[in-house]
N, C-alpha and C. Protein backbone atom coordinates (compact mmCIF):
# COMPACT_ATOMS: atom_id res chain seq x y z
N UNK A 1 82.71 173.69 150.86
CA UNK A 1 83.46 174.00 151.91
C UNK A 1 83.34 175.77 152.25
N UNK A 2 83.33 176.13 153.27
CA UNK A 2 83.36 177.45 153.50
C UNK A 2 83.99 177.95 154.29
N UNK A 3 84.80 178.99 154.64
CA UNK A 3 85.59 179.50 155.52
C UNK A 3 85.38 181.31 156.21
N UNK A 4 84.90 181.07 157.37
CA UNK A 4 84.01 182.09 157.95
C UNK A 4 84.95 182.92 159.12
N UNK A 5 85.20 184.03 159.02
CA UNK A 5 86.22 184.76 159.52
C UNK A 5 85.04 185.50 160.64
N UNK A 6 85.53 185.92 162.09
CA UNK A 6 84.83 186.72 162.81
C UNK A 6 85.66 187.30 163.98
N UNK A 7 85.43 188.88 163.41
CA UNK A 7 86.08 189.74 164.37
C UNK A 7 87.71 189.28 164.31
N UNK A 8 87.96 189.10 163.31
CA UNK A 8 89.71 188.99 163.00
C UNK A 8 90.34 190.41 163.15
N UNK A 9 91.37 190.43 163.90
CA UNK A 9 92.22 191.47 164.11
C UNK A 9 93.70 190.77 164.63
N UNK A 10 94.57 191.51 163.50
CA UNK A 10 95.93 191.31 164.04
C UNK A 10 96.42 191.69 165.49
N UNK A 11 96.82 191.34 166.26
CA UNK A 11 97.73 191.64 167.99
C UNK A 11 98.26 192.59 167.21
N UNK A 12 98.79 192.81 165.96
CA UNK A 12 100.63 193.73 166.08
C UNK A 12 99.69 194.85 165.10
N UNK A 13 98.51 195.08 164.94
CA UNK A 13 97.54 196.29 164.22
C UNK A 13 96.90 196.76 165.34
N UNK A 14 96.66 198.30 165.34
CA UNK A 14 95.73 198.92 165.75
C UNK A 14 94.62 198.91 165.35
N UNK A 15 93.73 199.16 166.28
CA UNK A 15 92.11 199.21 165.43
C UNK A 15 91.99 200.36 164.59
N UNK A 16 92.67 201.74 164.73
CA UNK A 16 92.42 202.93 163.72
C UNK A 16 93.27 202.23 162.54
N UNK A 17 94.13 201.82 162.55
CA UNK A 17 94.81 201.07 161.43
C UNK A 17 93.74 200.44 160.42
N UNK A 18 92.96 199.72 160.96
CA UNK A 18 91.81 198.58 160.09
C UNK A 18 90.66 199.13 160.38
N UNK A 19 90.55 200.18 160.79
CA UNK A 19 89.03 200.17 161.26
C UNK A 19 88.01 200.48 159.32
N UNK A 20 88.81 200.87 158.35
CA UNK A 20 88.08 201.12 157.09
C UNK A 20 88.14 199.61 156.43
N UNK A 21 88.45 198.48 157.08
CA UNK A 21 88.68 197.42 156.50
C UNK A 21 87.57 196.53 155.83
N UNK A 22 87.13 196.21 155.18
CA UNK A 22 86.23 195.08 154.80
C UNK A 22 86.20 193.40 155.36
N UNK A 23 87.19 193.32 156.10
CA UNK A 23 87.59 192.06 156.42
C UNK A 23 87.81 192.33 158.20
N UNK A 24 88.98 193.07 158.35
CA UNK A 24 89.21 193.05 159.88
C UNK A 24 88.17 193.59 160.48
N UNK A 25 87.89 193.37 161.90
CA UNK A 25 87.26 193.71 162.82
C UNK A 25 85.26 193.32 162.15
N UNK A 26 85.23 192.90 161.16
CA UNK A 26 83.82 192.55 160.74
C UNK A 26 83.43 191.37 161.36
N UNK A 27 81.72 191.37 161.64
CA UNK A 27 81.39 190.29 162.67
C UNK A 27 81.58 188.80 161.68
N UNK A 28 81.33 189.03 160.45
CA UNK A 28 81.17 188.06 159.86
C UNK A 28 81.58 187.98 158.20
N UNK A 29 82.66 187.48 157.65
CA UNK A 29 83.08 187.50 156.34
C UNK A 29 83.20 186.11 156.08
N UNK A 30 82.59 185.53 154.93
CA UNK A 30 82.35 184.31 154.45
C UNK A 30 83.41 184.28 153.19
N UNK A 31 84.06 183.51 152.94
CA UNK A 31 84.11 182.81 151.48
C UNK A 31 83.92 181.72 151.49
N UNK A 32 83.27 181.34 149.93
CA UNK A 32 82.59 180.33 149.85
C UNK A 32 83.39 179.37 148.65
N UNK A 33 83.46 178.24 148.88
CA UNK A 33 83.97 177.30 147.98
C UNK A 33 83.17 177.58 146.31
N UNK A 34 84.20 177.78 145.49
CA UNK A 34 83.80 177.86 144.13
C UNK A 34 83.77 179.23 143.53
N UNK A 35 83.96 180.47 144.49
CA UNK A 35 83.79 181.73 144.18
C UNK A 35 85.15 182.13 144.17
N UNK A 36 85.47 183.47 143.41
CA UNK A 36 86.70 184.17 143.18
C UNK A 36 87.00 185.98 144.33
N UNK A 37 87.99 185.66 145.18
CA UNK A 37 87.80 186.73 145.85
C UNK A 37 88.96 187.93 145.58
N UNK A 38 88.91 189.00 145.19
CA UNK A 38 89.98 189.57 145.45
C UNK A 38 90.13 190.70 146.80
N UNK A 39 91.18 190.65 147.34
CA UNK A 39 91.42 191.18 148.43
C UNK A 39 92.44 192.48 148.27
N UNK A 40 92.19 193.69 148.30
CA UNK A 40 93.33 194.59 148.09
C UNK A 40 93.54 195.76 148.88
N UNK A 41 95.14 196.01 149.08
CA UNK A 41 95.27 197.21 150.20
C UNK A 41 96.72 197.16 149.60
N UNK A 42 97.35 198.43 150.03
CA UNK A 42 98.63 198.98 150.36
C UNK A 42 99.43 198.30 150.98
N UNK A 43 100.75 198.24 150.94
CA UNK A 43 101.63 197.58 151.41
C UNK A 43 101.68 197.76 152.99
N UNK A 44 101.64 197.04 153.92
CA UNK A 44 101.74 197.01 155.25
C UNK A 44 100.23 196.98 155.88
N UNK A 45 99.24 196.73 155.27
CA UNK A 45 98.00 196.62 155.85
C UNK A 45 97.43 195.22 155.91
N UNK A 46 97.99 194.42 156.00
CA UNK A 46 98.09 192.96 156.37
C UNK A 46 97.39 192.02 155.32
N UNK A 47 97.77 192.32 154.40
CA UNK A 47 97.49 191.31 152.89
C UNK A 47 97.90 189.76 153.39
N UNK A 48 99.26 189.79 153.55
CA UNK A 48 99.67 188.72 153.75
C UNK A 48 99.34 188.17 155.08
N UNK A 49 98.85 188.98 156.15
CA UNK A 49 98.73 188.40 156.81
C UNK A 49 97.16 187.34 157.13
N UNK A 50 96.48 187.95 156.65
CA UNK A 50 95.06 187.15 156.62
C UNK A 50 94.88 185.82 155.70
N UNK A 51 95.57 186.12 154.82
CA UNK A 51 96.03 184.51 154.14
C UNK A 51 96.89 183.67 154.99
N UNK A 52 97.57 184.26 155.90
CA UNK A 52 98.56 183.43 157.25
C UNK A 52 97.82 182.79 157.86
N UNK A 53 96.60 183.77 158.11
CA UNK A 53 95.71 183.30 159.22
C UNK A 53 94.64 182.28 158.73
N UNK A 54 94.44 182.36 157.45
CA UNK A 54 93.74 181.45 157.23
C UNK A 54 94.36 180.05 156.95
N UNK A 55 95.59 180.39 156.52
CA UNK A 55 96.50 178.77 156.48
C UNK A 55 97.17 178.29 157.46
N UNK A 56 96.72 178.89 158.33
CA UNK A 56 96.89 178.26 159.98
C UNK A 56 98.32 178.57 160.40
N UNK A 57 99.52 179.71 159.20
CA UNK A 57 100.57 179.38 159.67
C UNK A 57 101.19 180.32 160.43
N UNK A 58 100.07 181.48 161.06
CA UNK A 58 100.40 182.65 161.89
C UNK A 58 99.03 182.40 162.77
N UNK A 59 98.88 182.53 164.03
CA UNK A 59 97.82 182.58 164.74
C UNK A 59 97.98 183.50 165.76
N UNK A 60 98.75 185.07 165.45
CA UNK A 60 98.86 186.12 166.33
C UNK A 60 97.58 186.85 166.01
N UNK A 61 96.37 186.40 166.23
CA UNK A 61 95.27 187.63 165.72
C UNK A 61 94.27 186.98 167.15
N UNK A 62 93.06 188.16 167.43
CA UNK A 62 91.91 187.53 167.78
C UNK A 62 90.69 187.56 166.88
N UNK A 63 89.73 186.88 167.43
CA UNK A 63 88.75 186.53 166.63
C UNK A 63 88.78 185.14 166.31
N UNK A 64 87.95 184.44 165.38
CA UNK A 64 88.11 183.14 164.79
C UNK A 64 87.71 183.26 163.57
N UNK A 65 88.54 182.09 163.35
CA UNK A 65 88.04 181.18 161.75
C UNK A 65 87.78 180.11 161.92
N UNK A 66 86.51 180.06 161.26
CA UNK A 66 85.70 178.64 161.23
C UNK A 66 85.87 177.75 159.75
N UNK A 67 86.29 176.64 159.70
CA UNK A 67 85.96 176.02 158.45
C UNK A 67 85.03 174.81 158.46
N UNK A 68 83.67 175.25 157.48
CA UNK A 68 82.51 174.79 157.33
C UNK A 68 83.20 173.36 156.80
N UNK A 69 83.66 172.21 157.01
CA UNK A 69 83.83 171.25 156.85
C UNK A 69 83.78 169.94 157.12
N UNK A 70 83.76 168.99 156.84
CA UNK A 70 84.28 167.66 157.66
C UNK A 70 85.45 167.55 158.29
N UNK A 71 86.57 168.00 157.85
CA UNK A 71 87.84 167.67 158.29
C UNK A 71 88.13 168.49 160.13
N UNK A 72 88.74 167.79 160.47
CA UNK A 72 89.17 168.17 161.78
C UNK A 72 89.78 169.91 161.78
N UNK A 73 89.19 170.67 162.12
CA UNK A 73 89.97 172.32 162.02
C UNK A 73 91.58 171.93 162.63
N UNK A 74 91.50 171.21 163.81
CA UNK A 74 92.49 171.31 164.57
C UNK A 74 93.94 170.55 163.59
N UNK A 75 93.23 170.04 162.27
CA UNK A 75 94.65 169.06 161.80
C UNK A 75 95.15 169.82 160.66
N UNK A 76 95.96 170.69 161.30
CA UNK A 76 96.37 171.97 160.00
C UNK A 76 97.25 171.10 159.09
N UNK A 77 98.07 170.51 159.20
CA UNK A 77 98.40 169.07 158.23
C UNK A 77 97.67 168.87 157.19
N UNK A 78 96.52 168.32 157.50
CA UNK A 78 95.18 167.74 156.74
C UNK A 78 94.99 169.05 155.77
N UNK A 79 94.39 170.17 156.64
CA UNK A 79 94.10 171.11 155.85
C UNK A 79 94.87 171.62 155.06
N UNK A 80 96.22 171.63 154.74
CA UNK A 80 97.26 172.46 154.12
C UNK A 80 97.56 170.94 153.09
N UNK A 81 96.82 169.84 153.34
CA UNK A 81 97.29 168.88 152.55
C UNK A 81 96.32 168.46 151.31
N UNK A 82 94.99 168.96 151.72
CA UNK A 82 93.57 168.40 150.97
C UNK A 82 92.43 169.46 150.54
N UNK A 83 92.73 170.49 151.41
CA UNK A 83 91.90 171.82 151.68
C UNK A 83 92.38 172.91 150.90
N UNK A 84 93.46 173.49 151.42
CA UNK A 84 93.92 174.58 151.32
C UNK A 84 95.29 174.77 150.49
N UNK A 85 95.48 175.07 149.41
CA UNK A 85 96.62 175.27 148.79
C UNK A 85 97.31 176.97 148.94
N UNK A 86 98.58 177.12 148.78
CA UNK A 86 99.10 178.72 148.91
C UNK A 86 100.09 178.86 148.33
N UNK A 87 100.27 180.22 147.15
CA UNK A 87 101.38 180.51 146.84
C UNK A 87 101.76 181.89 147.40
N UNK A 88 102.49 181.27 148.46
CA UNK A 88 103.50 182.39 149.25
C UNK A 88 104.12 183.55 148.45
N UNK A 89 104.03 184.88 148.89
CA UNK A 89 104.53 186.06 148.40
C UNK A 89 106.48 185.49 148.26
N UNK A 90 106.59 185.12 149.37
CA UNK A 90 108.22 184.74 149.39
C UNK A 90 108.46 183.29 148.48
N UNK A 91 107.82 182.87 148.08
CA UNK A 91 107.86 181.41 147.30
C UNK A 91 107.76 179.95 148.27
N UNK A 92 108.62 180.13 149.16
CA UNK A 92 108.75 179.11 150.19
C UNK A 92 109.23 177.69 149.13
N UNK A 93 110.01 177.73 148.30
CA UNK A 93 110.53 176.74 147.69
C UNK A 93 111.73 176.48 148.27
N UNK A 94 112.55 175.09 147.84
CA UNK A 94 113.69 174.81 148.46
C UNK A 94 114.64 174.85 147.51
N UNK A 95 115.70 176.08 147.74
CA UNK A 95 116.87 176.72 146.68
C UNK A 95 117.77 175.52 146.27
N UNK A 96 117.89 174.48 146.77
CA UNK A 96 118.94 173.45 146.88
C UNK A 96 118.21 172.08 145.85
N UNK A 97 117.08 172.43 145.47
CA UNK A 97 116.55 171.41 144.72
C UNK A 97 116.18 172.00 143.68
N UNK A 98 115.62 170.88 142.58
CA UNK A 98 115.59 171.09 141.29
C UNK A 98 114.30 171.88 140.84
N UNK A 99 113.77 172.64 140.19
CA UNK A 99 112.43 173.09 139.65
C UNK A 99 111.53 171.69 139.78
N UNK A 100 112.04 170.56 138.92
CA UNK A 100 110.96 169.62 139.09
C UNK A 100 110.82 168.94 140.56
N UNK A 101 112.25 168.70 140.95
CA UNK A 101 111.90 168.03 142.84
C UNK A 101 111.11 168.99 143.60
N UNK A 102 111.44 170.42 143.58
CA UNK A 102 110.26 171.25 144.26
C UNK A 102 108.89 170.94 144.30
N UNK A 103 108.51 170.85 142.69
CA UNK A 103 106.89 170.24 142.19
C UNK A 103 106.94 169.24 142.64
N UNK A 104 107.21 168.30 142.67
CA UNK A 104 107.23 166.89 142.76
C UNK A 104 107.20 166.45 143.99
N UNK A 105 107.59 167.09 144.86
CA UNK A 105 107.71 167.23 146.60
C UNK A 105 106.79 167.65 147.17
N UNK A 106 105.84 168.23 146.77
CA UNK A 106 104.39 168.44 147.09
C UNK A 106 103.26 167.46 146.37
N UNK A 107 103.34 167.31 145.25
CA UNK A 107 102.77 165.93 144.41
C UNK A 107 102.71 164.64 144.96
N UNK A 108 103.74 164.37 145.50
CA UNK A 108 104.20 163.20 146.14
C UNK A 108 103.13 162.82 146.86
N UNK A 109 102.93 163.92 147.96
CA UNK A 109 101.95 163.49 149.05
C UNK A 109 100.65 163.05 148.83
N UNK A 110 100.14 163.60 147.66
CA UNK A 110 98.76 163.36 147.58
C UNK A 110 98.55 162.88 145.96
N UNK A 111 99.74 162.34 145.31
CA UNK A 111 99.50 161.80 144.06
C UNK A 111 98.67 162.31 143.17
N UNK A 112 98.56 163.81 142.76
CA UNK A 112 97.74 164.84 142.45
C UNK A 112 97.69 164.63 140.91
N UNK A 113 99.01 164.91 140.46
CA UNK A 113 99.15 164.99 139.09
C UNK A 113 100.34 163.32 138.46
N UNK A 114 100.16 163.12 137.61
CA UNK A 114 101.26 162.48 136.55
C UNK A 114 102.30 163.05 136.52
N UNK A 115 103.36 162.24 136.11
CA UNK A 115 104.74 163.04 136.06
C UNK A 115 104.72 163.86 134.77
N UNK A 116 103.42 162.94 133.72
CA UNK A 116 103.39 163.82 132.66
C UNK A 116 103.07 165.09 132.40
N UNK A 117 101.85 165.06 133.43
CA UNK A 117 101.29 166.15 133.61
C UNK A 117 101.95 167.33 134.41
N UNK A 118 102.87 167.05 134.71
CA UNK A 118 103.97 167.97 135.66
C UNK A 118 104.78 168.83 134.45
N UNK A 119 105.00 167.57 133.85
CA UNK A 119 106.23 167.96 133.10
C UNK A 119 105.62 168.73 131.59
N UNK A 120 104.13 168.58 131.63
CA UNK A 120 103.34 169.44 130.98
C UNK A 120 102.99 170.38 131.20
N UNK A 121 102.72 171.09 132.31
CA UNK A 121 102.66 172.24 133.24
C UNK A 121 104.05 173.02 133.15
N UNK A 122 104.88 172.55 133.34
CA UNK A 122 106.53 172.90 133.62
C UNK A 122 106.54 173.66 131.86
N UNK A 123 106.36 172.70 130.78
CA UNK A 123 106.75 173.26 129.56
C UNK A 123 105.58 174.17 129.33
N UNK A 124 104.41 174.68 129.57
CA UNK A 124 103.36 175.91 129.51
C UNK A 124 103.84 176.72 129.80
N UNK A 125 104.60 176.72 131.17
CA UNK A 125 104.85 177.79 131.82
C UNK A 125 106.28 178.46 131.15
N UNK A 126 107.21 177.76 130.00
CA UNK A 126 108.06 177.81 129.74
C UNK A 126 109.18 177.81 130.56
N UNK A 127 109.63 176.53 131.42
CA UNK A 127 110.36 176.32 132.06
C UNK A 127 111.20 175.20 131.66
N UNK A 128 110.80 174.29 130.85
CA UNK A 128 111.33 172.51 130.58
C UNK A 128 112.93 172.89 130.64
N UNK A 129 113.06 173.98 130.19
CA UNK A 129 115.18 174.10 129.72
C UNK A 129 115.70 174.15 131.36
N UNK A 130 114.49 174.34 132.16
CA UNK A 130 114.99 174.78 133.65
C UNK A 130 114.81 173.52 134.20
N UNK A 131 113.96 172.37 133.88
CA UNK A 131 113.26 171.62 134.75
C UNK A 131 114.55 170.99 135.82
N UNK A 132 115.26 170.83 134.92
CA UNK A 132 116.61 170.10 136.50
C UNK A 132 117.34 171.43 136.82
N UNK A 133 117.15 172.36 136.81
CA UNK A 133 117.93 173.67 137.52
C UNK A 133 118.00 173.40 138.86
N UNK A 134 118.48 173.95 139.85
CA UNK A 134 118.38 174.25 141.15
C UNK A 134 117.37 175.57 141.07
N UNK A 135 116.68 175.60 142.05
CA UNK A 135 115.57 176.66 142.18
C UNK A 135 116.84 177.99 142.45
N UNK A 136 117.72 177.82 143.51
CA UNK A 136 118.51 179.29 143.94
C UNK A 136 119.21 179.81 142.49
N UNK A 137 119.02 178.82 141.50
CA UNK A 137 120.10 179.79 140.24
C UNK A 137 118.71 180.37 139.24
N UNK A 138 117.84 180.35 139.57
CA UNK A 138 116.45 180.85 138.67
C UNK A 138 116.45 182.36 138.98
N UNK A 139 115.90 183.46 137.97
CA UNK A 139 115.22 184.33 138.46
C UNK A 139 114.24 184.61 139.37
N UNK A 140 113.48 185.83 140.20
CA UNK A 140 112.28 185.70 140.71
C UNK A 140 111.22 185.56 140.11
N UNK A 141 111.21 185.67 138.68
CA UNK A 141 109.78 185.35 137.82
C UNK A 141 109.85 183.99 137.74
N UNK A 142 110.84 183.40 137.44
CA UNK A 142 110.95 182.36 137.01
C UNK A 142 110.69 181.15 138.41
N UNK A 143 110.87 181.77 139.76
CA UNK A 143 110.39 181.01 140.83
C UNK A 143 109.17 181.10 141.36
N UNK A 144 108.46 182.59 140.91
CA UNK A 144 107.34 182.63 140.68
C UNK A 144 106.24 181.49 140.39
N UNK A 145 106.99 181.42 138.95
CA UNK A 145 106.23 180.08 137.63
C UNK A 145 106.34 178.48 138.88
N UNK A 146 107.37 178.54 139.23
CA UNK A 146 107.91 177.22 139.99
C UNK A 146 106.53 177.18 141.02
N UNK A 147 106.73 178.19 141.62
CA UNK A 147 105.58 178.01 143.11
C UNK A 147 104.00 178.04 142.59
N UNK A 148 103.88 178.86 141.75
CA UNK A 148 102.02 178.70 141.21
C UNK A 148 101.99 176.97 140.82
N UNK A 149 103.23 176.35 139.84
CA UNK A 149 102.36 175.37 139.32
C UNK A 149 102.80 173.99 140.51
N UNK A 150 103.44 174.59 141.59
CA UNK A 150 103.57 173.22 142.75
C UNK A 150 102.59 173.82 143.37
N UNK A 151 101.82 174.70 143.45
CA UNK A 151 100.57 174.87 144.72
C UNK A 151 99.45 174.32 143.93
N UNK A 152 99.06 173.77 142.69
CA UNK A 152 98.15 173.23 142.10
C UNK A 152 98.27 171.88 141.93
N UNK A 153 99.64 171.03 142.20
CA UNK A 153 99.72 169.98 142.33
C UNK A 153 99.43 169.17 144.05
N UNK A 154 98.03 169.61 143.97
CA UNK A 154 97.48 168.97 145.38
C UNK A 154 96.06 169.16 145.10
N UNK A 155 94.85 168.18 145.93
CA UNK A 155 93.69 168.85 145.73
C UNK A 155 93.71 169.79 146.74
N UNK A 156 92.45 170.84 146.45
CA UNK A 156 92.21 171.98 146.91
C UNK A 156 90.79 172.32 146.88
N UNK A 157 90.15 172.65 148.14
CA UNK A 157 88.64 173.44 147.91
C UNK A 157 89.21 175.25 147.90
N UNK A 158 90.54 175.52 148.32
CA UNK A 158 91.00 176.59 148.17
C UNK A 158 92.31 177.16 147.94
N UNK A 159 92.35 177.86 147.22
CA UNK A 159 93.89 178.26 146.58
C UNK A 159 94.00 179.95 146.93
N UNK A 160 95.00 180.19 147.93
CA UNK A 160 95.37 181.41 148.11
C UNK A 160 96.39 181.80 147.57
N UNK A 161 96.22 183.05 146.68
CA UNK A 161 97.59 183.74 146.01
C UNK A 161 98.33 185.02 146.76
N UNK A 162 99.14 185.13 146.97
CA UNK A 162 99.83 186.29 147.36
C UNK A 162 100.39 186.82 146.94
N UNK A 163 99.80 187.79 146.32
CA UNK A 163 100.52 189.01 144.71
C UNK A 163 101.38 188.09 144.12
N UNK A 164 100.41 187.19 143.04
CA UNK A 164 100.95 186.02 142.34
C UNK A 164 101.99 186.37 141.11
N UNK A 165 101.51 187.34 140.91
CA UNK A 165 102.36 187.71 139.39
C UNK A 165 102.96 188.89 139.72
N UNK A 166 103.39 189.32 140.75
CA UNK A 166 104.68 191.06 140.97
C UNK A 166 105.86 190.53 140.40
N UNK A 167 106.28 189.54 139.90
CA UNK A 167 107.62 189.45 139.13
C UNK A 167 107.16 188.80 137.47
N UNK A 168 106.23 189.00 137.14
CA UNK A 168 105.83 188.21 135.53
C UNK A 168 105.42 189.35 134.51
N UNK A 169 105.84 189.22 133.48
CA UNK A 169 105.20 190.07 132.74
C UNK A 169 104.05 189.74 131.88
N UNK A 170 103.19 190.47 130.90
CA UNK A 170 101.65 190.13 130.76
C UNK A 170 101.42 188.93 130.03
N UNK A 171 102.47 188.33 129.61
CA UNK A 171 102.26 187.41 128.51
C UNK A 171 102.39 186.09 129.62
N UNK A 172 103.45 186.05 130.56
CA UNK A 172 103.43 184.78 131.45
C UNK A 172 101.86 184.96 132.49
N UNK A 173 101.56 186.23 132.87
CA UNK A 173 100.54 186.09 133.96
C UNK A 173 98.93 185.61 132.97
N UNK A 174 99.21 186.13 131.46
CA UNK A 174 97.78 185.23 130.78
C UNK A 174 98.23 183.75 131.10
N UNK A 175 99.55 183.13 130.69
CA UNK A 175 99.48 181.99 130.39
C UNK A 175 99.03 181.18 132.01
N UNK A 176 99.69 181.87 132.97
CA UNK A 176 99.56 181.42 134.38
C UNK A 176 97.67 181.75 134.79
N UNK A 177 97.23 182.39 134.13
CA UNK A 177 95.98 182.62 135.02
C UNK A 177 95.09 181.89 134.01
N UNK A 178 95.39 181.35 133.02
CA UNK A 178 94.75 180.44 132.31
C UNK A 178 94.51 179.09 133.10
N UNK A 179 95.98 178.70 133.32
CA UNK A 179 96.30 177.24 134.16
C UNK A 179 95.36 177.39 135.44
N UNK A 180 95.38 178.37 136.00
CA UNK A 180 95.09 178.52 137.79
C UNK A 180 93.54 178.52 137.64
N UNK A 181 92.80 179.20 136.63
CA UNK A 181 91.37 179.10 135.84
C UNK A 181 90.99 177.79 135.70
N UNK A 182 91.93 176.86 134.51
CA UNK A 182 91.32 175.83 134.60
C UNK A 182 91.51 174.82 135.66
N UNK A 183 92.28 175.17 136.63
CA UNK A 183 92.48 173.68 137.89
C UNK A 183 91.59 174.15 138.79
N UNK A 184 91.09 175.69 138.87
CA UNK A 184 90.22 175.90 139.92
C UNK A 184 88.67 175.42 139.47
N UNK A 185 88.69 175.81 138.16
CA UNK A 185 87.23 174.69 137.60
C UNK A 185 87.29 173.56 137.92
N UNK A 186 88.46 172.97 137.52
CA UNK A 186 88.21 171.19 137.96
C UNK A 186 87.92 170.86 139.13
N UNK A 187 88.77 171.75 139.91
CA UNK A 187 88.48 171.64 141.58
C UNK A 187 86.96 171.98 142.14
N UNK A 188 86.25 173.08 141.09
CA UNK A 188 85.15 173.66 141.76
C UNK A 188 85.39 174.49 143.25
N UNK A 189 86.92 175.02 143.26
CA UNK A 189 87.41 175.55 144.34
C UNK A 189 87.26 177.06 144.42
N UNK A 190 87.83 177.67 145.41
CA UNK A 190 87.77 178.88 145.67
C UNK A 190 88.83 179.59 145.69
N UNK A 191 88.67 180.80 145.10
CA UNK A 191 90.10 181.74 145.17
C UNK A 191 89.72 182.78 145.72
N UNK A 192 91.66 183.07 146.39
CA UNK A 192 91.29 184.34 147.36
C UNK A 192 92.94 184.79 146.87
N UNK A 193 92.98 186.18 146.24
CA UNK A 193 93.98 186.75 145.88
C UNK A 193 94.39 187.96 146.08
N UNK A 194 95.38 187.99 147.04
CA UNK A 194 95.85 189.62 147.54
C UNK A 194 96.39 190.28 146.47
N UNK A 195 96.03 191.96 146.35
CA UNK A 195 97.08 192.56 145.31
C UNK A 195 97.10 193.93 146.01
N UNK A 196 97.93 194.75 145.33
CA UNK A 196 98.42 196.08 145.78
C UNK A 196 97.02 197.07 144.92
N UNK A 197 96.63 196.63 143.68
CA UNK A 197 95.96 197.48 142.88
C UNK A 197 94.55 196.32 142.67
N UNK A 198 93.63 196.98 141.96
CA UNK A 198 92.46 196.21 141.61
C UNK A 198 92.85 195.32 140.08
N UNK A 199 93.45 194.31 140.58
CA UNK A 199 94.01 193.34 139.30
C UNK A 199 92.80 192.20 138.93
N UNK A 200 92.36 192.63 137.50
CA UNK A 200 91.25 191.93 137.15
C UNK A 200 92.01 190.54 136.05
N UNK A 201 92.83 189.61 136.68
CA UNK A 201 93.21 188.13 135.96
C UNK A 201 91.74 187.54 135.72
N UNK A 202 91.29 187.40 137.24
CA UNK A 202 90.24 186.68 137.19
C UNK A 202 88.83 187.74 137.02
N UNK A 203 87.63 186.65 136.67
CA UNK A 203 86.47 187.17 136.67
C UNK A 203 85.99 186.91 138.47
N UNK A 204 86.18 188.12 139.23
CA UNK A 204 86.25 187.90 140.70
C UNK A 204 84.70 188.29 140.75
N UNK A 205 84.27 187.21 141.70
CA UNK A 205 82.59 187.38 142.30
C UNK A 205 82.63 188.52 143.45
N UNK A 206 83.88 188.97 144.06
CA UNK A 206 83.67 190.18 145.38
C UNK A 206 84.93 190.53 145.31
N UNK A 207 85.17 192.04 145.49
CA UNK A 207 86.53 192.48 145.95
C UNK A 207 86.08 193.40 147.04
N UNK A 208 87.18 192.92 148.09
CA UNK A 208 87.11 193.31 149.73
C UNK A 208 88.68 194.32 149.45
N UNK A 209 88.22 195.37 150.48
CA UNK A 209 89.61 196.25 150.72
C UNK A 209 89.86 195.84 152.16
N UNK A 210 91.11 195.97 152.53
CA UNK A 210 91.73 195.50 153.36
C UNK A 210 92.21 196.67 153.90
């Protein structure tokens, strides 16, 4: 699978704001399955926007996004269920559900992981004691760990990570990077990660300035 962006421009940003971008206004930008990409920029330069465009949750842009795959590109639900997973910057968790329920809610759609595998992942990110706690009672760092685990409980050709480690310490970043790398390798998937800085938690194939 490939994702190809052609002349993408957010309608709410001027050409002057994005004139130096390696992605916006570019004739052709290709993300390939099996490769890792870092997209870095300062706040307000469209990092979240580009991931939302790819995910299909924001269509307020000019240009085209093509998915080189057999799936029907108009079927957004299928895209999100089987092709692209996403760790949102604001997590998009259900605050009145427990840690386990939030993760299992995604997994039940695809039966990607067994209950034992989910519980093992919860244990690896040191949240076993919070398994049955409501998400609304968790810290930001704990919520971020839940969001990342939930995102890998589905099949995907690409995983999108929007500043995924912003609330985590070095120890937890190391743990989650290892989990993500293992799952990405297992699924032979592509990674697109946005960050404010040149973070090298992964062995990136390409770094793009937004």
